[in-house]
Structure formats: structure tokens, C-alpha cells
N, C-alpha and C. Protein backbone atom coordinates (compact mmCIF):
# COMPACT_ATOMS: atom_id res chain seq x y z
N THR A 1 0.83 -1.19 0.00
CA THR A 1 0.00 0.00 0.00
C THR A 1 0.87 1.25 0.00
N THR A 2 1.90 1.25 0.84
CA THR A 2 2.79 2.41 0.92
C THR A 2 3.46 2.67 -0.42
N ALA A 3 3.95 1.61 -1.07
CA ALA A 3 4.59 1.78 -2.36
C ALA A 3 3.60 2.30 -3.41
N ALA A 4 2.37 1.78 -3.38
CA ALA A 4 1.35 2.23 -4.34
C ALA A 4 1.05 3.72 -4.16
N ILE A 5 0.96 4.17 -2.92
CA ILE A 5 0.70 5.59 -2.65
C ILE A 5 1.87 6.44 -3.14
N ALA A 6 3.10 6.03 -2.83
CA ALA A 6 4.28 6.79 -3.26
C ALA A 6 4.35 6.85 -4.79
N ILE A 7 4.10 5.72 -5.46
CA ILE A 7 4.14 5.70 -6.92
C ILE A 7 3.03 6.58 -7.50
N LEU A 8 1.85 6.54 -6.90
CA LEU A 8 0.74 7.38 -7.36
C LEU A 8 1.14 8.86 -7.31
N PHE A 9 1.75 9.28 -6.20
CA PHE A 9 2.16 10.68 -6.08
C PHE A 9 3.30 11.01 -7.04
N PHE A 10 4.20 10.07 -7.26
CA PHE A 10 5.27 10.28 -8.24
C PHE A 10 4.68 10.47 -9.63
N LEU A 11 3.74 9.59 -10.01
CA LEU A 11 3.13 9.69 -11.34
C LEU A 11 2.36 11.00 -11.52
N HIS A 12 1.63 11.40 -10.49
CA HIS A 12 0.90 12.67 -10.60
C HIS A 12 1.85 13.86 -10.61
N GLY A 13 2.96 13.73 -9.90
CA GLY A 13 3.97 14.78 -9.98
C GLY A 13 4.56 14.89 -11.37
N ALA A 14 4.76 13.73 -12.03
CA ALA A 14 5.31 13.73 -13.39
C ALA A 14 4.26 14.16 -14.41
N LYS A 15 2.99 13.88 -14.12
CA LYS A 15 1.92 14.18 -15.08
C LYS A 15 1.54 15.66 -15.09
N LEU A 16 1.56 16.29 -13.93
CA LEU A 16 1.07 17.68 -13.83
C LEU A 16 2.15 18.69 -14.18
N SER A 17 1.77 19.66 -14.97
CA SER A 17 2.70 20.75 -15.28
C SER A 17 2.90 21.63 -14.05
N ARG A 18 3.99 22.35 -14.01
CA ARG A 18 4.24 23.25 -12.88
C ARG A 18 3.15 24.32 -12.77
N GLU A 19 2.65 24.75 -13.93
CA GLU A 19 1.58 25.74 -13.93
C GLU A 19 0.33 25.19 -13.25
N ALA A 20 0.01 23.91 -13.53
CA ALA A 20 -1.17 23.28 -12.92
C ALA A 20 -0.99 23.13 -11.41
N VAL A 21 0.23 22.83 -10.98
CA VAL A 21 0.50 22.70 -9.54
C VAL A 21 0.34 24.05 -8.85
N ILE A 22 0.90 25.09 -9.44
CA ILE A 22 0.78 26.44 -8.85
C ILE A 22 -0.68 26.87 -8.82
N GLU A 23 -1.42 26.59 -9.90
CA GLU A 23 -2.84 26.92 -9.93
C GLU A 23 -3.59 26.15 -8.84
N GLY A 24 -3.22 24.89 -8.65
CA GLY A 24 -3.85 24.09 -7.61
C GLY A 24 -3.60 24.64 -6.22
N LEU A 25 -2.39 25.11 -5.98
CA LEU A 25 -2.07 25.71 -4.68
C LEU A 25 -2.86 26.99 -4.43
N MET A 26 -3.14 27.74 -5.49
CA MET A 26 -3.80 29.03 -5.35
C MET A 26 -5.34 28.94 -5.33
N HIS A 27 -5.87 27.75 -5.43
CA HIS A 27 -7.33 27.56 -5.50
C HIS A 27 -7.92 27.59 -4.09
N TRP A 28 -7.91 28.77 -3.47
CA TRP A 28 -8.29 28.90 -2.05
C TRP A 28 -9.76 28.59 -1.80
N LYS A 29 -10.62 28.83 -2.78
CA LYS A 29 -12.05 28.53 -2.59
C LYS A 29 -12.26 27.02 -2.42
N LEU A 30 -11.57 26.24 -3.22
CA LEU A 30 -11.64 24.79 -3.11
C LEU A 30 -11.14 24.34 -1.74
N HIS A 31 -9.99 24.86 -1.33
CA HIS A 31 -9.40 24.45 -0.04
C HIS A 31 -10.31 24.83 1.13
N THR A 32 -10.94 25.99 1.04
CA THR A 32 -11.86 26.43 2.10
C THR A 32 -13.08 25.51 2.17
N LEU A 33 -13.61 25.15 1.02
CA LEU A 33 -14.77 24.26 0.98
C LEU A 33 -14.43 22.88 1.55
N VAL A 34 -13.31 22.32 1.11
CA VAL A 34 -12.89 21.00 1.60
C VAL A 34 -12.67 21.04 3.11
N PHE A 35 -12.02 22.08 3.60
CA PHE A 35 -11.76 22.22 5.03
C PHE A 35 -13.08 22.32 5.80
N ALA A 36 -14.02 23.12 5.31
CA ALA A 36 -15.30 23.30 6.01
C ALA A 36 -16.11 22.00 6.03
N LEU A 37 -16.12 21.28 4.92
CA LEU A 37 -16.85 20.01 4.88
C LEU A 37 -16.20 18.98 5.80
N THR A 38 -14.89 18.90 5.73
CA THR A 38 -14.16 17.87 6.48
C THR A 38 -14.19 18.09 7.98
N PHE A 39 -13.96 19.32 8.42
CA PHE A 39 -13.78 19.55 9.85
C PHE A 39 -14.93 20.29 10.52
N ALA A 40 -15.99 20.57 9.75
CA ALA A 40 -17.18 21.19 10.36
C ALA A 40 -18.42 20.37 10.03
N LEU A 41 -18.77 20.26 8.74
CA LEU A 41 -20.03 19.60 8.37
C LEU A 41 -20.06 18.13 8.77
N PHE A 42 -19.03 17.36 8.41
CA PHE A 42 -19.06 15.92 8.71
C PHE A 42 -19.07 15.64 10.22
N PRO A 43 -18.26 16.33 11.04
CA PRO A 43 -18.38 16.11 12.49
C PRO A 43 -19.76 16.51 13.03
N ILE A 44 -20.33 17.60 12.53
CA ILE A 44 -21.66 18.02 12.98
C ILE A 44 -22.70 16.96 12.61
N LEU A 45 -22.63 16.45 11.39
CA LEU A 45 -23.57 15.40 10.97
C LEU A 45 -23.42 14.14 11.84
N GLY A 46 -22.18 13.79 12.17
CA GLY A 46 -21.94 12.64 13.03
C GLY A 46 -22.53 12.83 14.42
N LEU A 47 -22.40 14.03 14.95
CA LEU A 47 -22.96 14.33 16.27
C LEU A 47 -24.49 14.37 16.22
N LEU A 48 -25.05 14.95 15.16
CA LEU A 48 -26.50 15.00 15.02
C LEU A 48 -27.13 13.62 14.82
N ALA A 49 -26.35 12.69 14.29
CA ALA A 49 -26.87 11.33 14.05
C ALA A 49 -26.90 10.48 15.32
N LYS A 50 -26.35 10.98 16.42
CA LYS A 50 -26.26 10.20 17.65
C LYS A 50 -27.61 9.65 18.13
N PRO A 51 -28.68 10.44 18.18
CA PRO A 51 -29.95 9.88 18.67
C PRO A 51 -30.48 8.72 17.83
N ILE A 52 -30.14 8.70 16.56
CA ILE A 52 -30.60 7.63 15.68
C ILE A 52 -29.65 6.43 15.74
N LEU A 53 -28.34 6.71 15.68
CA LEU A 53 -27.36 5.63 15.57
C LEU A 53 -27.02 4.95 16.89
N LEU A 54 -26.99 5.69 17.98
CA LEU A 54 -26.58 5.11 19.27
C LEU A 54 -27.46 3.92 19.66
N PRO A 55 -28.79 4.02 19.57
CA PRO A 55 -29.61 2.84 19.91
C PRO A 55 -29.40 1.65 18.96
N MET A 56 -29.10 1.94 17.71
CA MET A 56 -28.91 0.87 16.72
C MET A 56 -27.53 0.22 16.84
N LEU A 57 -26.50 1.04 17.07
CA LEU A 57 -25.12 0.56 17.02
C LEU A 57 -24.53 0.24 18.38
N GLY A 58 -24.99 0.91 19.40
CA GLY A 58 -24.34 0.82 20.70
C GLY A 58 -23.24 1.87 20.80
N GLN A 59 -22.73 2.08 22.00
CA GLN A 59 -21.77 3.17 22.25
C GLN A 59 -20.47 3.00 21.46
N GLU A 60 -19.86 1.83 21.51
CA GLU A 60 -18.54 1.67 20.88
C GLU A 60 -18.60 1.81 19.36
N LEU A 61 -19.59 1.22 18.71
CA LEU A 61 -19.70 1.38 17.25
C LEU A 61 -20.06 2.81 16.87
N TYR A 62 -20.88 3.45 17.69
CA TYR A 62 -21.18 4.86 17.40
C TYR A 62 -19.90 5.70 17.49
N TRP A 63 -19.07 5.43 18.50
CA TRP A 63 -17.79 6.16 18.60
C TRP A 63 -16.93 5.92 17.36
N GLY A 64 -16.94 4.69 16.84
CA GLY A 64 -16.21 4.40 15.61
C GLY A 64 -16.75 5.20 14.44
N PHE A 65 -18.08 5.28 14.34
CA PHE A 65 -18.71 6.08 13.28
C PHE A 65 -18.33 7.55 13.43
N LEU A 66 -18.39 8.05 14.66
CA LEU A 66 -18.06 9.44 14.92
C LEU A 66 -16.59 9.71 14.60
N PHE A 67 -15.73 8.77 14.95
CA PHE A 67 -14.30 8.91 14.63
C PHE A 67 -14.10 9.06 13.12
N MET A 68 -14.84 8.27 12.33
CA MET A 68 -14.74 8.37 10.87
C MET A 68 -15.20 9.75 10.37
N CYS A 69 -16.17 10.33 11.07
CA CYS A 69 -16.63 11.68 10.70
C CYS A 69 -15.58 12.74 10.99
N PHE A 70 -14.65 12.45 11.90
CA PHE A 70 -13.61 13.40 12.26
C PHE A 70 -12.39 13.34 11.35
N LEU A 71 -12.29 12.28 10.54
CA LEU A 71 -11.10 12.07 9.72
C LEU A 71 -11.23 12.70 8.33
N PRO A 72 -10.15 13.27 7.81
CA PRO A 72 -10.16 13.70 6.41
C PRO A 72 -10.10 12.48 5.51
N SER A 73 -10.50 12.64 4.25
CA SER A 73 -10.41 11.52 3.31
C SER A 73 -8.94 11.24 3.03
N THR A 74 -8.67 10.07 2.51
CA THR A 74 -7.28 9.77 2.16
C THR A 74 -6.90 10.59 0.92
N VAL A 75 -5.66 10.98 0.88
CA VAL A 75 -5.18 11.75 -0.27
C VAL A 75 -5.26 10.89 -1.52
N GLN A 76 -4.95 9.61 -1.37
CA GLN A 76 -4.97 8.69 -2.50
C GLN A 76 -6.35 8.61 -3.13
N SER A 77 -7.39 8.45 -2.30
CA SER A 77 -8.73 8.35 -2.88
C SER A 77 -9.18 9.68 -3.46
N SER A 78 -8.80 10.79 -2.83
CA SER A 78 -9.16 12.10 -3.37
C SER A 78 -8.60 12.29 -4.77
N ILE A 79 -7.35 11.90 -4.95
CA ILE A 79 -6.70 12.04 -6.25
C ILE A 79 -7.31 11.08 -7.27
N ALA A 80 -7.47 9.83 -6.86
CA ALA A 80 -7.99 8.84 -7.81
C ALA A 80 -9.40 9.18 -8.26
N PHE A 81 -10.28 9.55 -7.32
CA PHE A 81 -11.66 9.89 -7.70
C PHE A 81 -11.70 11.16 -8.55
N THR A 82 -10.86 12.13 -8.22
CA THR A 82 -10.81 13.36 -9.01
C THR A 82 -10.30 13.07 -10.41
N SER A 83 -9.32 12.17 -10.50
CA SER A 83 -8.77 11.79 -11.80
C SER A 83 -9.82 11.07 -12.64
N VAL A 84 -10.56 10.15 -12.05
CA VAL A 84 -11.63 9.43 -12.76
C VAL A 84 -12.68 10.41 -13.27
N ALA A 85 -12.98 11.42 -12.46
CA ALA A 85 -13.99 12.42 -12.85
C ALA A 85 -13.42 13.49 -13.77
N GLN A 86 -12.14 13.38 -14.10
CA GLN A 86 -11.44 14.34 -14.95
C GLN A 86 -11.52 15.75 -14.37
N GLY A 87 -11.32 15.81 -13.04
CA GLY A 87 -11.38 17.09 -12.33
C GLY A 87 -10.02 17.71 -12.13
N ASN A 88 -9.96 18.64 -11.22
CA ASN A 88 -8.75 19.40 -10.92
C ASN A 88 -7.83 18.57 -10.02
N ILE A 89 -6.95 17.77 -10.62
CA ILE A 89 -6.08 16.87 -9.86
C ILE A 89 -5.10 17.66 -9.01
N ALA A 90 -4.53 18.73 -9.55
CA ALA A 90 -3.60 19.54 -8.77
C ALA A 90 -4.30 20.12 -7.54
N GLY A 91 -5.52 20.61 -7.73
CA GLY A 91 -6.28 21.13 -6.60
C GLY A 91 -6.59 20.04 -5.59
N ALA A 92 -6.91 18.83 -6.07
CA ALA A 92 -7.21 17.71 -5.17
C ALA A 92 -5.98 17.33 -4.36
N ILE A 93 -4.81 17.29 -5.01
CA ILE A 93 -3.57 16.95 -4.30
C ILE A 93 -3.30 17.97 -3.21
N CYS A 94 -3.37 19.24 -3.56
CA CYS A 94 -3.09 20.31 -2.59
C CYS A 94 -4.10 20.32 -1.46
N SER A 95 -5.37 20.24 -1.80
CA SER A 95 -6.42 20.32 -0.80
C SER A 95 -6.43 19.11 0.12
N ALA A 96 -6.31 17.92 -0.46
CA ALA A 96 -6.31 16.71 0.36
C ALA A 96 -5.06 16.64 1.24
N SER A 97 -3.92 17.04 0.71
CA SER A 97 -2.69 17.03 1.52
C SER A 97 -2.80 18.03 2.67
N PHE A 98 -3.29 19.24 2.37
CA PHE A 98 -3.47 20.25 3.40
C PHE A 98 -4.45 19.77 4.47
N SER A 99 -5.56 19.18 4.05
CA SER A 99 -6.56 18.74 5.01
C SER A 99 -6.03 17.58 5.86
N ASN A 100 -5.17 16.72 5.30
CA ASN A 100 -4.58 15.65 6.10
C ASN A 100 -3.55 16.17 7.09
N ILE A 101 -2.78 17.17 6.70
CA ILE A 101 -1.82 17.76 7.63
C ILE A 101 -2.56 18.45 8.77
N ILE A 102 -3.57 19.24 8.45
CA ILE A 102 -4.38 19.90 9.48
C ILE A 102 -5.10 18.85 10.33
N GLY A 103 -5.55 17.77 9.68
CA GLY A 103 -6.25 16.70 10.38
C GLY A 103 -5.41 16.03 11.46
N MET A 104 -4.09 16.03 11.29
CA MET A 104 -3.21 15.45 12.32
C MET A 104 -3.35 16.20 13.65
N PHE A 105 -3.75 17.45 13.58
CA PHE A 105 -3.91 18.25 14.80
C PHE A 105 -5.37 18.30 15.25
N ILE A 106 -6.28 18.49 14.29
CA ILE A 106 -7.69 18.68 14.63
C ILE A 106 -8.36 17.38 15.05
N THR A 107 -8.10 16.27 14.34
CA THR A 107 -8.77 15.01 14.65
C THR A 107 -8.52 14.56 16.09
N PRO A 108 -7.29 14.57 16.59
CA PRO A 108 -7.10 14.17 18.00
C PRO A 108 -7.83 15.09 18.98
N MET A 109 -7.92 16.37 18.65
CA MET A 109 -8.64 17.29 19.54
C MET A 109 -10.14 16.98 19.53
N LEU A 110 -10.70 16.70 18.34
CA LEU A 110 -12.12 16.35 18.25
C LEU A 110 -12.40 15.04 19.01
N VAL A 111 -11.52 14.06 18.83
CA VAL A 111 -11.69 12.78 19.53
C VAL A 111 -11.59 12.99 21.03
N ALA A 112 -10.59 13.74 21.46
CA ALA A 112 -10.41 13.98 22.90
C ALA A 112 -11.62 14.68 23.49
N PHE A 113 -12.17 15.63 22.78
CA PHE A 113 -13.29 16.39 23.32
C PHE A 113 -14.62 15.64 23.25
N PHE A 114 -14.92 15.04 22.09
CA PHE A 114 -16.24 14.43 21.89
C PHE A 114 -16.31 12.95 22.24
N ILE A 115 -15.21 12.23 22.16
CA ILE A 115 -15.24 10.80 22.46
C ILE A 115 -14.65 10.51 23.84
N LEU A 116 -13.51 11.08 24.11
CA LEU A 116 -12.87 10.83 25.40
C LEU A 116 -13.39 11.75 26.49
N GLY A 117 -14.04 12.84 26.10
CA GLY A 117 -14.63 13.75 27.08
C GLY A 117 -13.64 14.64 27.77
N GLN A 118 -12.51 14.85 27.15
CA GLN A 118 -11.52 15.75 27.74
C GLN A 118 -10.96 16.65 26.64
N SER A 119 -10.55 17.82 27.00
CA SER A 119 -10.10 18.77 26.00
C SER A 119 -8.57 18.78 25.83
N GLN A 120 -7.84 18.01 26.62
CA GLN A 120 -6.39 17.98 26.49
C GLN A 120 -5.96 16.59 26.04
N HIS A 121 -4.89 16.55 25.29
CA HIS A 121 -4.36 15.29 24.81
C HIS A 121 -2.85 15.40 24.69
N GLY A 122 -2.17 14.28 24.60
CA GLY A 122 -0.71 14.28 24.48
C GLY A 122 -0.27 13.83 23.11
N PHE A 123 -0.77 14.45 22.06
CA PHE A 123 -0.48 14.05 20.69
C PHE A 123 0.74 14.79 20.18
N ASP A 124 1.75 14.04 19.73
CA ASP A 124 2.94 14.62 19.13
C ASP A 124 2.92 14.31 17.63
N PRO A 125 2.66 15.32 16.79
CA PRO A 125 2.48 15.07 15.36
C PRO A 125 3.78 14.94 14.57
N THR A 126 4.94 15.04 15.20
CA THR A 126 6.21 15.07 14.47
C THR A 126 6.40 13.85 13.58
N ALA A 127 6.20 12.66 14.12
CA ALA A 127 6.40 11.43 13.32
C ALA A 127 5.41 11.36 12.16
N SER A 128 4.17 11.77 12.39
CA SER A 128 3.16 11.74 11.32
C SER A 128 3.50 12.72 10.21
N ILE A 129 3.95 13.91 10.57
CA ILE A 129 4.32 14.92 9.57
C ILE A 129 5.49 14.42 8.73
N LEU A 130 6.47 13.82 9.37
CA LEU A 130 7.62 13.28 8.65
C LEU A 130 7.19 12.15 7.71
N GLN A 131 6.32 11.26 8.19
CA GLN A 131 5.84 10.15 7.38
C GLN A 131 5.05 10.65 6.16
N ILE A 132 4.17 11.62 6.36
CA ILE A 132 3.39 12.17 5.25
C ILE A 132 4.31 12.87 4.25
N THR A 133 5.30 13.58 4.76
CA THR A 133 6.24 14.27 3.87
C THR A 133 6.99 13.27 3.00
N LEU A 134 7.49 12.20 3.62
CA LEU A 134 8.25 11.20 2.87
C LEU A 134 7.36 10.41 1.90
N LEU A 135 6.14 10.15 2.30
CA LEU A 135 5.26 9.32 1.49
C LEU A 135 4.58 10.09 0.36
N LEU A 136 4.23 11.35 0.60
CA LEU A 136 3.45 12.11 -0.38
C LEU A 136 4.26 13.20 -1.07
N LEU A 137 4.88 14.05 -0.28
CA LEU A 137 5.52 15.23 -0.84
C LEU A 137 6.80 14.90 -1.61
N VAL A 138 7.65 14.05 -1.05
CA VAL A 138 8.92 13.72 -1.71
C VAL A 138 8.68 13.05 -3.07
N PRO A 139 7.82 12.01 -3.16
CA PRO A 139 7.58 11.42 -4.49
C PRO A 139 6.96 12.42 -5.48
N PHE A 140 6.07 13.29 -5.00
CA PHE A 140 5.46 14.27 -5.89
C PHE A 140 6.52 15.23 -6.43
N ILE A 141 7.38 15.73 -5.56
CA ILE A 141 8.45 16.65 -5.99
C ILE A 141 9.42 15.94 -6.93
N LEU A 142 9.74 14.68 -6.60
CA LEU A 142 10.61 13.91 -7.49
C LEU A 142 9.97 13.75 -8.87
N GLY A 143 8.67 13.49 -8.91
CA GLY A 143 7.95 13.40 -10.18
C GLY A 143 8.01 14.72 -10.95
N GLN A 144 7.86 15.83 -10.22
CA GLN A 144 7.95 17.14 -10.87
C GLN A 144 9.35 17.37 -11.45
N LEU A 145 10.38 17.00 -10.68
CA LEU A 145 11.76 17.19 -11.15
C LEU A 145 12.09 16.31 -12.36
N LEU A 146 11.54 15.09 -12.37
CA LEU A 146 11.83 14.16 -13.46
C LEU A 146 10.80 14.22 -14.59
N ARG A 147 9.87 15.16 -14.50
CA ARG A 147 8.79 15.28 -15.48
C ARG A 147 9.28 15.34 -16.93
N PRO A 148 10.33 16.10 -17.24
CA PRO A 148 10.76 16.16 -18.65
C PRO A 148 11.10 14.78 -19.24
N TRP A 149 11.54 13.83 -18.42
CA TRP A 149 11.91 12.51 -18.91
C TRP A 149 10.78 11.48 -18.73
N ILE A 150 10.03 11.62 -17.65
CA ILE A 150 9.00 10.62 -17.33
C ILE A 150 7.70 10.86 -18.10
N PHE A 151 7.28 12.11 -18.23
CA PHE A 151 5.99 12.41 -18.86
C PHE A 151 5.89 11.88 -20.29
N PRO A 152 6.93 12.02 -21.14
CA PRO A 152 6.81 11.44 -22.49
C PRO A 152 6.60 9.91 -22.46
N LYS A 153 7.24 9.23 -21.52
CA LYS A 153 7.04 7.78 -21.38
C LYS A 153 5.61 7.47 -20.93
N MET A 154 5.07 8.30 -20.05
CA MET A 154 3.69 8.11 -19.58
C MET A 154 2.71 8.29 -20.73
N GLN A 155 3.00 9.22 -21.64
CA GLN A 155 2.12 9.44 -22.79
C GLN A 155 2.16 8.26 -23.76
N GLN A 156 3.25 7.51 -23.76
CA GLN A 156 3.35 6.34 -24.63
C GLN A 156 2.59 5.14 -24.06
N MET A 157 2.32 5.16 -22.75
CA MET A 157 1.63 4.04 -22.08
C MET A 157 0.42 4.53 -21.29
N PRO A 158 -0.53 5.22 -21.93
CA PRO A 158 -1.63 5.80 -21.15
C PRO A 158 -2.51 4.77 -20.44
N LYS A 159 -2.67 3.58 -21.05
CA LYS A 159 -3.53 2.56 -20.41
C LYS A 159 -2.91 2.05 -19.12
N ILE A 160 -1.61 1.84 -19.11
CA ILE A 160 -0.94 1.35 -17.91
C ILE A 160 -1.01 2.40 -16.80
N VAL A 161 -0.78 3.65 -17.16
CA VAL A 161 -0.87 4.73 -16.17
C VAL A 161 -2.29 4.83 -15.62
N LYS A 162 -3.29 4.72 -16.49
CA LYS A 162 -4.69 4.81 -16.06
C LYS A 162 -5.05 3.64 -15.14
N ILE A 163 -4.62 2.44 -15.50
CA ILE A 163 -4.91 1.27 -14.67
C ILE A 163 -4.29 1.43 -13.28
N PHE A 164 -3.03 1.89 -13.23
CA PHE A 164 -2.40 2.08 -11.93
C PHE A 164 -3.10 3.18 -11.14
N ASP A 165 -3.41 4.28 -11.83
CA ASP A 165 -4.06 5.42 -11.18
C ASP A 165 -5.39 5.01 -10.56
N GLN A 166 -6.23 4.34 -11.32
CA GLN A 166 -7.54 3.97 -10.84
C GLN A 166 -7.50 2.71 -9.96
N GLY A 167 -6.55 1.84 -10.20
CA GLY A 167 -6.43 0.62 -9.42
C GLY A 167 -5.78 0.81 -8.07
N SER A 168 -5.15 1.94 -7.86
CA SER A 168 -4.45 2.17 -6.59
C SER A 168 -5.41 2.30 -5.41
N ILE A 169 -6.65 2.62 -5.69
CA ILE A 169 -7.64 2.72 -4.61
C ILE A 169 -7.88 1.35 -4.04
């Protein structure tokens, strides 16, 4: 799984032009919407569903459901689904990566407050930030740097690239 994610980011780094990456970074409306849905709407919906779900699921399964409402989507699925829909892949990479980095801080606070019932936690995000950087950012940058050599090869094998892109989910 780790290798598939790294290769996916490398391929998207090689596929996207620098202009598309810069445009993706500057798409603040998209990032604001993703952030609001991920860290406001979905947690609120999870909390509002408690009267319905708690009797059906029990406390522990409801907490699992609520935990899922607190998590950002995976960057891999965001990119793959956006690619299938022929959407803004650069925007999806930037927005999903940003939301996952922010999620490393916000998700533990939401869990501590709403599930554990306490507002303080001992979460050290250093290892997670390093892991995300090595897994997502480094392969993407490497793909960008090697784009002049890799992209022409990708254009010669579009079916293989598409199968890997969509199959990585």
C-alpha cells in the first residue's frame, strides 16, 4: 500500500505541469470548501446522528462512526476519484494534503473532546508529519523534477498509467 501511494504521487507529480501545480495551490475557494466540509459539516452530521445511531449501534460502534466523521479523506482516494472524474487533480492533491496535515492536529482534539470527554491530549504530530512528507511530498516533488523525462514515457503508455491510477484505490 505504501509503495502504491508513493508511486501514485510520483506519477501525478510527473503528469502535472508546474503551472497546474501552482494553480492548484492558489485555488483557495476549493481548499476552504474541503476544510469546512471535512472539519465542520461531517463532524456536525456525526454528532447530530447520535440519537438515531446510538440505539442501533451501541456506544462503541457509534464512537467508531463518529471517529470516521472526524477524519479527512485519504489523499490517494481524493486524487484517484478526481482523476476518474477528470477534475482538478492539482487542486485535489493540494487540498487533500493540506486537510490531512491539518487533520493530524484537529482530529485528535475532536476525539479527545467528543469521544474521550476531555479537551487535552498528548499528541505529538512530528512522526506523522515526517511520514506524510516522505510518502506524499517527496515522491510528488521527485515526479515534478523528473517530469521532462518521465511524462513522455507516460504518454506512450496511457492505459498502464490509467490502470495504476484507478487501481491504486
